[in-house]
Protein backbone atom coordinates (compact mmCIF):
# COMPACT_ATOMS: atom_id res chain seq x y z
CA MET A 1 98.89 91.43 106.98
CA LYS A 2 95.19 91.14 106.26
CA ILE A 3 92.66 93.80 107.45
CA THR A 4 88.92 94.14 107.02
CA ARG A 5 87.47 96.56 104.43
CA ILE A 6 83.95 98.04 104.41
CA TYR A 7 83.17 99.27 100.95
CA THR A 8 80.28 100.16 98.65
CA ASN A 9 79.52 97.50 95.83
CA GLU A 10 78.13 98.35 92.41
CA GLU A 11 74.56 98.00 93.64
CA GLY A 12 75.14 100.65 96.49
CA HIS A 13 75.25 98.20 99.22
CA SER A 14 77.96 98.31 101.97
CA CYS A 15 79.95 95.13 102.16
CA PHE A 16 82.76 93.52 104.13
CA GLY A 17 85.88 92.63 102.24
CA GLU A 18 89.52 92.00 102.92
CA VAL A 19 92.74 93.96 102.10
CA ASP A 20 96.13 92.29 102.02
CA ILE A 21 98.85 94.68 103.07
CA PRO A 22 102.11 93.36 101.72
CA LEU A 23 105.04 93.39 104.24
CA LYS A 24 108.77 93.18 103.37
CA GLU A 25 111.47 91.79 105.45
CA ALA A 26 113.31 94.63 107.30
CA GLY A 27 115.88 92.70 109.24
CA SER A 28 116.00 92.89 112.96
CA ILE A 29 113.11 95.23 113.23
CA GLY A 30 110.74 92.61 111.62
CA SER A 31 108.62 93.24 108.46
CA LEU A 32 107.24 96.61 107.22
CA SER A 33 104.64 97.70 104.64
CA ASP A 34 105.46 100.47 102.17
CA LEU A 35 104.80 103.97 103.28
CA PHE A 36 101.07 105.10 103.06
CA ASN A 37 100.34 108.75 102.48
CA VAL A 38 97.70 109.97 104.97
CA THR A 39 96.08 113.39 105.59
CA GLY A 40 95.39 113.35 109.29
CA ILE A 41 94.60 111.49 112.50
CA ILE A 42 91.53 111.79 114.71
CA PHE A 43 91.32 110.39 118.30
CA ARG A 44 87.86 109.35 119.43
CA GLU A 45 85.99 108.00 122.41
CA THR A 46 82.46 106.69 122.08
CA PRO A 47 80.13 106.03 125.05
CA GLY A 48 78.72 102.58 126.07
CA ASN A 49 75.33 103.45 124.68
CA TYR A 50 76.66 104.30 121.10
CA ASP A 51 74.28 103.07 118.48
CA TYR A 52 74.78 104.82 115.18
CA LEU A 53 72.25 103.59 112.60
CA TRP A 54 72.88 103.64 108.76
CA HIS A 55 75.62 106.12 107.95
CA ASN A 56 78.47 106.41 105.59
CA ALA A 57 82.12 106.93 106.36
CA PRO A 58 82.77 110.73 105.87
CA ARG A 59 85.97 109.99 103.97
CA ARG A 60 88.24 107.13 103.22
CA GLN A 61 89.96 106.34 106.53
CA TYR A 62 91.44 103.52 108.55
CA LEU A 63 89.71 102.81 111.89
CA ILE A 64 92.15 101.53 114.62
CA ASN A 65 90.39 100.12 117.57
CA LEU A 66 92.36 100.66 120.88
CA GLU A 67 89.95 99.71 123.66
CA GLY A 68 86.38 98.30 123.76
CA GLU A 69 84.46 96.65 120.99
CA VAL A 70 82.14 97.62 118.24
CA ASP A 71 79.70 95.69 116.13
CA CYS A 72 79.57 96.87 112.46
CA THR A 73 76.53 95.78 110.28
CA VAL A 74 76.39 96.04 106.51
CA TYR A 75 73.88 95.05 103.87
CA GLY A 76 71.98 91.89 104.55
CA GLY A 77 72.43 92.09 108.33
CA LYS A 78 76.06 90.73 108.24
CA THR A 79 77.76 91.77 111.41
CA ARG A 80 81.40 91.69 112.42
CA ARG A 81 82.83 92.52 115.84
CA PHE A 82 85.97 94.55 116.12
CA GLY A 83 88.03 94.81 119.22
CA PRO A 84 91.46 96.13 120.48
CA GLY A 85 94.10 95.92 117.88
CA ASP A 86 91.58 95.61 114.84
CA VAL A 87 92.16 97.74 111.83
CA VAL A 88 89.31 98.43 109.35
CA LEU A 89 89.59 100.30 106.05
CA LEU A 90 86.35 102.37 105.70
CA GLU A 91 85.46 103.11 102.20
CA ASP A 92 81.63 103.22 102.10
CA ILE A 93 81.51 106.95 101.46
CA ASP A 94 78.36 106.65 99.36
CA GLY A 95 75.54 104.11 99.03
CA GLU A 96 73.44 102.92 102.03
CA GLY A 97 76.31 102.86 104.62
CA HIS A 98 76.71 100.63 107.64
CA CYS A 99 75.66 100.61 111.37
CA SER A 100 78.03 100.74 114.31
CA LYS A 101 77.03 99.81 117.86
CA ALA A 102 78.83 99.57 121.20
CA VAL A 103 79.14 96.12 122.81
CA ASN A 104 78.11 95.28 126.33
CA GLY A 105 77.50 98.78 127.26
CA GLN A 106 81.35 99.64 127.20
CA SER A 107 82.85 102.78 125.95
CA ARG A 108 85.42 102.48 123.15
CA LYS A 109 88.57 104.33 122.19
CA SER A 110 89.78 104.44 118.54
CA ILE A 111 91.76 106.31 116.09
CA PHE A 112 90.83 107.41 112.64
CA VAL A 113 93.73 107.83 110.10
CA THR A 114 92.30 109.82 107.20
CA LEU A 115 93.33 109.11 103.60
CA ASP A 116 91.44 111.78 101.65
């Protein structure tokens, strides 16, 4: 399973990358990853006018988008849109950070799963 990663490169710029989460056959229930140790879970709702300029992730965490969409922008103006079911590993806890903006004036529901 591949997911997007936002991380800080050696020059201090936030960048998009990709993480491959290996899955193992688990019989009739499908395929599973190894167990990940996490420290908490945060439920979040952002309004349709959400427009958070350059900021860092407060900690390493997974963002799981449930409802609505968000545009995330990193160094060089590269933007990706994430919608329902998308998972993003946020690791740009230092450097210049990224921007997040609501799409089409819609509110968004998401979950953070904290790692640190």
